[in-house]
Amino acid sequence: MRLLLINGPNLNLLGQRETSIYGSSSLESIELELTKKAEERTVELDCFQNNFEGALVDRIHQAIGNVDGILINAGAYTHTSIALRDALLGTQIPYVEIHLSNIYAREEFRHHSFISDRAIGVVSGFGVMSYQLAFEGLIAYLHKPE
C-alpha cells in the first residue's frame, strides 16, 4: 500500500509558530514518526510539503496511479482553494483531511472547508495525534472489504 502525505502552507514552520495552537512538534518530527508507523505496517509513505498552491495541485496530479490514498493538511488552503478540491476530486484517490487544531473552535473563516465534504474522513483538534488517527483511519478504509 502506498500513501501520500501532503502538507500545505506554513506547516514547515510547525514547532516555531503559534505553539499554543499547533504544538511544539516540527513537521519533520511528525513526518518521521508517521514514516516509522508506516514501516511497521509495511506501508510506503511519501511526504510532501509546499507553500504554493500550484505545487500542491501538481503533486496531487502526480499521485494518480501511484498511491492508494492521500493524507492532507492543506493548511489555510483548506478554506480558500477550489483548485485543491478539484485536484483531489479529479484523482479519485480516497483522502483524509487533517488539522492539528479544532478548526470549529477558531475563527469563523476556518469553519468552512472546500475539501471535507468529499473526504472519507476529517480529523481535527488532536494535535500531532491527528496525523496518526488519520493514518490509521485511511488504512482501515483501504483494507475494508468491498
N, C-alpha and C. Protein backbone atom coordinates (compact mmCIF):
# COMPACT_ATOMS: atom_id res chain seq x y z
N MET A 1 0.85 -1.17 0.00
CA MET A 1 0.00 0.00 0.00
C MET A 1 0.89 1.24 0.00
N ARG A 2 0.50 2.21 -0.80
CA ARG A 2 1.26 3.47 -0.90
C ARG A 2 0.35 4.64 -0.54
N LEU A 3 0.87 5.48 0.36
CA LEU A 3 0.13 6.67 0.79
C LEU A 3 0.97 7.91 0.55
N LEU A 4 0.29 9.01 0.35
CA LEU A 4 0.93 10.32 0.19
C LEU A 4 0.45 11.23 1.30
N LEU A 5 1.39 11.85 2.00
CA LEU A 5 1.07 12.86 3.00
C LEU A 5 1.41 14.22 2.42
N ILE A 6 0.41 15.09 2.33
CA ILE A 6 0.59 16.43 1.79
C ILE A 6 0.35 17.45 2.90
N ASN A 7 1.29 18.37 3.06
CA ASN A 7 1.16 19.47 4.00
C ASN A 7 1.28 20.78 3.24
N GLY A 8 0.35 21.68 3.51
CA GLY A 8 0.29 22.94 2.80
C GLY A 8 1.07 24.06 3.44
N PRO A 9 0.65 25.29 3.15
CA PRO A 9 1.42 26.48 3.52
C PRO A 9 1.59 26.65 5.02
N ASN A 10 2.79 27.11 5.36
CA ASN A 10 3.19 27.46 6.73
C ASN A 10 3.38 26.27 7.66
N LEU A 11 3.07 25.06 7.19
CA LEU A 11 3.27 23.90 8.05
C LEU A 11 4.75 23.57 8.21
N ASN A 12 5.58 24.10 7.33
CA ASN A 12 7.03 23.98 7.50
C ASN A 12 7.51 24.73 8.75
N LEU A 13 6.67 25.61 9.29
CA LEU A 13 7.02 26.38 10.49
C LEU A 13 6.51 25.76 11.78
N LEU A 14 5.95 24.55 11.68
CA LEU A 14 5.46 23.90 12.90
C LEU A 14 6.59 23.78 13.92
N GLY A 15 6.23 23.95 15.17
CA GLY A 15 7.21 23.92 16.24
C GLY A 15 7.76 25.30 16.56
N GLN A 16 7.55 26.24 15.62
CA GLN A 16 8.02 27.62 15.80
C GLN A 16 6.87 28.61 15.88
N ARG A 17 5.82 28.37 15.11
CA ARG A 17 4.73 29.35 15.02
C ARG A 17 3.56 28.95 15.90
N GLU A 18 3.04 29.89 16.60
CA GLU A 18 1.82 29.72 17.39
C GLU A 18 1.75 28.35 18.09
N THR A 19 2.75 28.07 18.89
CA THR A 19 2.83 26.76 19.55
C THR A 19 1.65 26.51 20.49
N SER A 20 1.02 27.56 20.95
CA SER A 20 -0.16 27.37 21.81
C SER A 20 -1.33 26.77 21.02
N ILE A 21 -1.31 26.94 19.72
CA ILE A 21 -2.36 26.38 18.86
C ILE A 21 -1.88 25.09 18.21
N TYR A 22 -0.67 25.09 17.65
CA TYR A 22 -0.19 23.99 16.82
C TYR A 22 0.77 23.04 17.51
N GLY A 23 1.20 23.36 18.73
CA GLY A 23 2.10 22.50 19.46
C GLY A 23 3.55 22.77 19.14
N SER A 24 4.42 22.02 19.78
CA SER A 24 5.87 22.27 19.65
C SER A 24 6.57 21.29 18.72
N SER A 25 5.86 20.33 18.17
CA SER A 25 6.49 19.37 17.25
C SER A 25 6.73 20.00 15.89
N SER A 26 7.88 19.71 15.32
CA SER A 26 8.18 20.19 13.96
C SER A 26 7.52 19.28 12.94
N LEU A 27 7.36 19.79 11.73
CA LEU A 27 6.81 18.97 10.66
C LEU A 27 7.73 17.77 10.40
N GLU A 28 9.03 18.00 10.46
CA GLU A 28 9.99 16.92 10.27
C GLU A 28 9.76 15.79 11.28
N SER A 29 9.53 16.13 12.55
CA SER A 29 9.31 15.09 13.56
C SER A 29 7.98 14.37 13.34
N ILE A 30 6.96 15.10 12.89
CA ILE A 30 5.66 14.48 12.59
C ILE A 30 5.83 13.49 11.44
N GLU A 31 6.53 13.91 10.40
CA GLU A 31 6.75 13.04 9.24
C GLU A 31 7.58 11.82 9.61
N LEU A 32 8.59 12.01 10.43
CA LEU A 32 9.44 10.91 10.86
C LEU A 32 8.64 9.88 11.65
N GLU A 33 7.83 10.36 12.58
CA GLU A 33 7.01 9.46 13.39
C GLU A 33 6.02 8.68 12.52
N LEU A 34 5.39 9.37 11.58
CA LEU A 34 4.43 8.71 10.71
C LEU A 34 5.11 7.73 9.76
N THR A 35 6.31 8.07 9.31
CA THR A 35 7.07 7.17 8.44
C THR A 35 7.43 5.88 9.19
N LYS A 36 7.82 6.00 10.45
CA LYS A 36 8.11 4.82 11.27
C LYS A 36 6.87 3.96 11.41
N LYS A 37 5.74 4.60 11.68
CA LYS A 37 4.47 3.88 11.81
C LYS A 37 4.13 3.16 10.50
N ALA A 38 4.39 3.83 9.38
CA ALA A 38 4.12 3.23 8.08
C ALA A 38 5.01 2.01 7.85
N GLU A 39 6.28 2.12 8.18
CA GLU A 39 7.20 1.00 8.00
C GLU A 39 6.75 -0.20 8.82
N GLU A 40 6.28 0.03 10.04
CA GLU A 40 5.78 -1.05 10.89
C GLU A 40 4.59 -1.75 10.25
N ARG A 41 3.83 -1.01 9.48
CA ARG A 41 2.62 -1.55 8.84
C ARG A 41 2.88 -1.98 7.39
N THR A 42 4.13 -1.97 6.98
CA THR A 42 4.55 -2.24 5.59
C THR A 42 3.78 -1.38 4.59
N VAL A 43 3.69 -0.12 4.92
CA VAL A 43 3.05 0.87 4.07
C VAL A 43 4.14 1.82 3.60
N GLU A 44 4.11 2.14 2.33
CA GLU A 44 5.05 3.11 1.77
C GLU A 44 4.42 4.49 1.91
N LEU A 45 5.14 5.42 2.55
CA LEU A 45 4.62 6.77 2.78
C LEU A 45 5.55 7.80 2.15
N ASP A 46 4.99 8.63 1.29
CA ASP A 46 5.74 9.73 0.69
C ASP A 46 5.22 11.02 1.31
N CYS A 47 6.12 11.86 1.80
CA CYS A 47 5.75 13.12 2.45
C CYS A 47 6.11 14.30 1.55
N PHE A 48 5.20 15.26 1.47
CA PHE A 48 5.41 16.43 0.62
C PHE A 48 4.83 17.65 1.30
N GLN A 49 5.60 18.72 1.35
CA GLN A 49 5.12 20.00 1.87
C GLN A 49 5.51 21.09 0.91
N ASN A 50 4.58 22.03 0.70
CA ASN A 50 4.89 23.18 -0.12
C ASN A 50 3.97 24.32 0.27
N ASN A 51 4.48 25.54 0.12
CA ASN A 51 3.70 26.73 0.44
C ASN A 51 2.90 27.25 -0.76
N PHE A 52 3.12 26.67 -1.93
CA PHE A 52 2.49 27.17 -3.15
C PHE A 52 1.37 26.26 -3.60
N GLU A 53 0.23 26.85 -3.84
CA GLU A 53 -0.97 26.11 -4.23
C GLU A 53 -0.74 25.26 -5.48
N GLY A 54 -0.11 25.83 -6.49
CA GLY A 54 0.12 25.09 -7.73
C GLY A 54 1.00 23.87 -7.54
N ALA A 55 2.00 23.98 -6.67
CA ALA A 55 2.87 22.83 -6.39
C ALA A 55 2.08 21.71 -5.71
N LEU A 56 1.16 22.08 -4.83
CA LEU A 56 0.31 21.07 -4.19
C LEU A 56 -0.61 20.40 -5.21
N VAL A 57 -1.18 21.19 -6.09
CA VAL A 57 -2.04 20.65 -7.15
C VAL A 57 -1.23 19.70 -8.03
N ASP A 58 -0.03 20.12 -8.44
CA ASP A 58 0.82 19.26 -9.27
C ASP A 58 1.13 17.94 -8.56
N ARG A 59 1.43 17.99 -7.26
CA ARG A 59 1.78 16.76 -6.53
C ARG A 59 0.57 15.85 -6.42
N ILE A 60 -0.61 16.40 -6.26
CA ILE A 60 -1.83 15.58 -6.23
C ILE A 60 -2.02 14.91 -7.59
N HIS A 61 -1.80 15.64 -8.67
CA HIS A 61 -1.92 15.05 -10.01
C HIS A 61 -0.93 13.91 -10.20
N GLN A 62 0.29 14.09 -9.70
CA GLN A 62 1.32 13.05 -9.83
C GLN A 62 0.97 11.79 -9.06
N ALA A 63 0.04 11.87 -8.13
CA ALA A 63 -0.35 10.72 -7.33
C ALA A 63 -1.20 9.72 -8.11
N ILE A 64 -1.78 10.16 -9.22
CA ILE A 64 -2.66 9.28 -10.00
C ILE A 64 -1.88 8.04 -10.43
N GLY A 65 -2.41 6.88 -10.07
CA GLY A 65 -1.78 5.62 -10.44
C GLY A 65 -0.57 5.26 -9.59
N ASN A 66 -0.20 6.13 -8.66
CA ASN A 66 0.99 5.90 -7.84
C ASN A 66 0.70 5.72 -6.35
N VAL A 67 -0.44 6.14 -5.87
CA VAL A 67 -0.78 5.99 -4.46
C VAL A 67 -2.20 5.46 -4.30
N ASP A 68 -2.43 4.84 -3.15
CA ASP A 68 -3.75 4.29 -2.85
C ASP A 68 -4.61 5.25 -2.03
N GLY A 69 -3.95 6.19 -1.34
CA GLY A 69 -4.69 7.13 -0.52
C GLY A 69 -3.84 8.35 -0.19
N ILE A 70 -4.52 9.43 0.16
CA ILE A 70 -3.84 10.70 0.47
C ILE A 70 -4.26 11.17 1.86
N LEU A 71 -3.28 11.60 2.62
CA LEU A 71 -3.49 12.31 3.88
C LEU A 71 -3.15 13.76 3.58
N ILE A 72 -4.06 14.69 3.89
CA ILE A 72 -3.78 16.09 3.53
C ILE A 72 -4.14 17.06 4.64
N ASN A 73 -3.14 17.85 5.00
CA ASN A 73 -3.35 19.03 5.84
C ASN A 73 -3.08 20.20 4.90
N ALA A 74 -4.12 20.74 4.34
CA ALA A 74 -3.98 21.79 3.34
C ALA A 74 -3.73 23.16 3.97
N GLY A 75 -3.65 23.22 5.29
CA GLY A 75 -3.41 24.50 5.96
C GLY A 75 -4.50 25.49 5.56
N ALA A 76 -4.11 26.73 5.36
CA ALA A 76 -5.07 27.78 5.03
C ALA A 76 -5.80 27.52 3.71
N TYR A 77 -5.18 26.74 2.81
CA TYR A 77 -5.86 26.44 1.54
C TYR A 77 -7.12 25.61 1.74
N THR A 78 -7.25 24.98 2.88
CA THR A 78 -8.49 24.25 3.21
C THR A 78 -9.69 25.17 3.03
N HIS A 79 -9.53 26.42 3.41
CA HIS A 79 -10.64 27.36 3.49
C HIS A 79 -10.76 28.26 2.26
N THR A 80 -9.84 28.10 1.31
CA THR A 80 -9.83 29.02 0.17
C THR A 80 -9.70 28.37 -1.20
N SER A 81 -9.23 27.14 -1.27
CA SER A 81 -8.78 26.61 -2.56
C SER A 81 -9.75 25.64 -3.24
N ILE A 82 -10.41 26.16 -4.24
CA ILE A 82 -11.22 25.30 -5.10
C ILE A 82 -10.30 24.48 -6.00
N ALA A 83 -9.12 25.02 -6.31
CA ALA A 83 -8.15 24.29 -7.14
C ALA A 83 -7.71 22.99 -6.46
N LEU A 84 -7.43 23.02 -5.14
CA LEU A 84 -7.07 21.80 -4.42
C LEU A 84 -8.24 20.82 -4.41
N ARG A 85 -9.43 21.34 -4.18
CA ARG A 85 -10.63 20.48 -4.20
C ARG A 85 -10.75 19.77 -5.55
N ASP A 86 -10.64 20.55 -6.62
CA ASP A 86 -10.77 19.97 -7.96
C ASP A 86 -9.68 18.93 -8.23
N ALA A 87 -8.47 19.20 -7.77
CA ALA A 87 -7.37 18.25 -7.97
C ALA A 87 -7.66 16.95 -7.22
N LEU A 88 -8.08 17.07 -5.97
CA LEU A 88 -8.38 15.87 -5.19
C LEU A 88 -9.53 15.08 -5.82
N LEU A 89 -10.57 15.76 -6.23
CA LEU A 89 -11.70 15.06 -6.85
C LEU A 89 -11.31 14.46 -8.19
N GLY A 90 -10.46 15.16 -8.93
CA GLY A 90 -10.05 14.67 -10.24
C GLY A 90 -9.23 13.39 -10.19
N THR A 91 -8.52 13.17 -9.10
CA THR A 91 -7.70 11.96 -9.00
C THR A 91 -8.53 10.74 -8.64
N GLN A 92 -9.65 10.96 -7.98
CA GLN A 92 -10.49 9.89 -7.46
C GLN A 92 -9.76 9.00 -6.47
N ILE A 93 -8.73 9.55 -5.82
CA ILE A 93 -7.99 8.83 -4.78
C ILE A 93 -8.63 9.18 -3.44
N PRO A 94 -8.95 8.17 -2.61
CA PRO A 94 -9.51 8.47 -1.30
C PRO A 94 -8.55 9.32 -0.47
N TYR A 95 -9.10 10.28 0.27
CA TYR A 95 -8.25 11.14 1.08
C TYR A 95 -8.89 11.46 2.42
N VAL A 96 -8.02 11.77 3.40
CA VAL A 96 -8.44 12.19 4.72
C VAL A 96 -7.89 13.58 4.96
N GLU A 97 -8.76 14.47 5.42
CA GLU A 97 -8.37 15.84 5.75
C GLU A 97 -7.90 15.89 7.20
N ILE A 98 -6.78 16.57 7.43
CA ILE A 98 -6.17 16.63 8.76
C ILE A 98 -6.01 18.09 9.20
N HIS A 99 -6.28 18.31 10.50
CA HIS A 99 -5.98 19.60 11.13
C HIS A 99 -5.45 19.35 12.53
N LEU A 100 -4.39 20.03 12.89
CA LEU A 100 -3.84 19.92 14.24
C LEU A 100 -4.79 20.52 15.26
N SER A 101 -5.35 21.68 14.93
CA SER A 101 -6.26 22.37 15.86
C SER A 101 -7.71 22.04 15.50
N ASN A 102 -8.60 22.33 16.43
CA ASN A 102 -10.03 22.18 16.17
C ASN A 102 -10.47 23.43 15.41
N ILE A 103 -10.61 23.31 14.10
CA ILE A 103 -10.92 24.47 13.27
C ILE A 103 -12.28 25.08 13.62
N TYR A 104 -13.17 24.30 14.24
CA TYR A 104 -14.50 24.80 14.59
C TYR A 104 -14.50 25.58 15.90
N ALA A 105 -13.39 25.56 16.61
CA ALA A 105 -13.26 26.34 17.85
C ALA A 105 -12.41 27.59 17.61
N ARG A 106 -12.18 27.88 16.35
CA ARG A 106 -11.32 29.02 15.99
C ARG A 106 -12.13 30.07 15.23
N GLU A 107 -11.45 30.92 14.50
CA GLU A 107 -12.11 32.00 13.77
C GLU A 107 -13.17 31.44 12.81
N GLU A 108 -14.20 32.23 12.60
CA GLU A 108 -15.33 31.83 11.75
C GLU A 108 -14.87 31.39 10.35
N PHE A 109 -13.90 32.11 9.77
CA PHE A 109 -13.48 31.77 8.40
C PHE A 109 -12.85 30.39 8.31
N ARG A 110 -12.40 29.83 9.43
CA ARG A 110 -11.80 28.49 9.43
C ARG A 110 -12.85 27.38 9.52
N HIS A 111 -14.10 27.73 9.71
CA HIS A 111 -15.15 26.73 9.88
C HIS A 111 -15.55 26.09 8.56
N HIS A 112 -15.23 26.71 7.46
CA HIS A 112 -15.59 26.15 6.15
C HIS A 112 -14.38 25.50 5.49
N SER A 113 -14.58 24.30 4.99
CA SER A 113 -13.55 23.58 4.25
C SER A 113 -14.07 23.27 2.85
N PHE A 114 -13.24 23.55 1.85
CA PHE A 114 -13.60 23.21 0.48
C PHE A 114 -13.36 21.73 0.16
N ILE A 115 -12.69 21.01 1.07
CA ILE A 115 -12.34 19.62 0.75
C ILE A 115 -13.01 18.58 1.65
N SER A 116 -13.61 18.97 2.75
CA SER A 116 -14.11 17.98 3.71
C SER A 116 -15.31 17.19 3.22
N ASP A 117 -16.18 17.78 2.41
CA ASP A 117 -17.42 17.07 2.03
C ASP A 117 -17.17 15.85 1.16
N ARG A 118 -16.00 15.76 0.55
CA ARG A 118 -15.69 14.60 -0.30
C ARG A 118 -14.59 13.72 0.30
N ALA A 119 -14.08 14.13 1.46
CA ALA A 119 -13.06 13.33 2.16
C ALA A 119 -13.74 12.09 2.75
N ILE A 120 -12.96 11.01 2.91
CA ILE A 120 -13.53 9.85 3.59
C ILE A 120 -13.61 10.09 5.08
N GLY A 121 -12.85 11.08 5.57
CA GLY A 121 -12.88 11.44 6.97
C GLY A 121 -12.13 12.73 7.21
N VAL A 122 -12.41 13.36 8.35
CA VAL A 122 -11.74 14.58 8.77
C VAL A 122 -11.30 14.38 10.21
N VAL A 123 -10.02 14.63 10.48
CA VAL A 123 -9.51 14.54 11.85
C VAL A 123 -9.01 15.93 12.22
N SER A 124 -9.57 16.45 13.31
CA SER A 124 -9.30 17.84 13.68
C SER A 124 -9.22 17.97 15.19
N GLY A 125 -8.19 18.68 15.66
CA GLY A 125 -8.16 19.07 17.06
C GLY A 125 -7.34 18.21 17.99
N PHE A 126 -6.66 17.21 17.49
CA PHE A 126 -5.90 16.30 18.35
C PHE A 126 -4.40 16.54 18.29
N GLY A 127 -3.99 17.69 17.79
CA GLY A 127 -2.57 17.99 17.68
C GLY A 127 -1.88 16.97 16.78
N VAL A 128 -0.68 16.59 17.16
CA VAL A 128 0.11 15.63 16.37
C VAL A 128 -0.65 14.32 16.18
N MET A 129 -1.44 13.95 17.17
CA MET A 129 -2.19 12.70 17.07
C MET A 129 -3.19 12.73 15.91
N SER A 130 -3.58 13.91 15.45
CA SER A 130 -4.49 14.00 14.29
C SER A 130 -3.90 13.26 13.09
N TYR A 131 -2.59 13.36 12.90
CA TYR A 131 -1.93 12.68 11.79
C TYR A 131 -2.00 11.17 11.97
N GLN A 132 -1.76 10.71 13.18
CA GLN A 132 -1.78 9.27 13.45
C GLN A 132 -3.18 8.70 13.28
N LEU A 133 -4.17 9.42 13.79
CA LEU A 133 -5.56 8.97 13.66
C LEU A 133 -5.99 8.93 12.20
N ALA A 134 -5.60 9.94 11.44
CA ALA A 134 -5.93 9.98 10.02
C ALA A 134 -5.26 8.82 9.27
N PHE A 135 -4.00 8.56 9.60
CA PHE A 135 -3.24 7.46 9.00
C PHE A 135 -3.95 6.13 9.26
N GLU A 136 -4.28 5.87 10.51
CA GLU A 136 -4.96 4.61 10.86
C GLU A 136 -6.32 4.51 10.19
N GLY A 137 -7.05 5.62 10.16
CA GLY A 137 -8.36 5.63 9.52
C GLY A 137 -8.29 5.35 8.03
N LEU A 138 -7.31 5.94 7.37
CA LEU A 138 -7.17 5.73 5.93
C LEU A 138 -6.79 4.28 5.63
N ILE A 139 -5.89 3.72 6.41
CA ILE A 139 -5.52 2.31 6.20
C ILE A 139 -6.72 1.40 6.42
N ALA A 140 -7.48 1.64 7.48
CA ALA A 140 -8.67 0.84 7.74
C ALA A 140 -9.66 0.94 6.58
N TYR A 141 -9.84 2.15 6.07
CA TYR A 141 -10.74 2.35 4.93
C TYR A 141 -10.26 1.57 3.71
N LEU A 142 -8.97 1.63 3.43
CA LEU A 142 -8.43 0.97 2.24
C LEU A 142 -8.44 -0.56 2.38
N HIS A 143 -8.44 -1.06 3.60
CA HIS A 143 -8.47 -2.50 3.84
C HIS A 143 -9.87 -3.08 3.95
N LYS A 144 -10.87 -2.22 3.99
CA LYS A 144 -12.24 -2.74 4.21
C LYS A 144 -12.67 -3.58 3.00
N PRO A 145 -13.44 -4.63 3.28
CA PRO A 145 -13.91 -5.47 2.17
C PRO A 145 -14.89 -4.70 1.29
N GLU A 146 -14.85 -4.98 0.02
CA GLU A 146 -15.74 -4.28 -0.94
C GLU A 146 -17.16 -4.70 -0.76
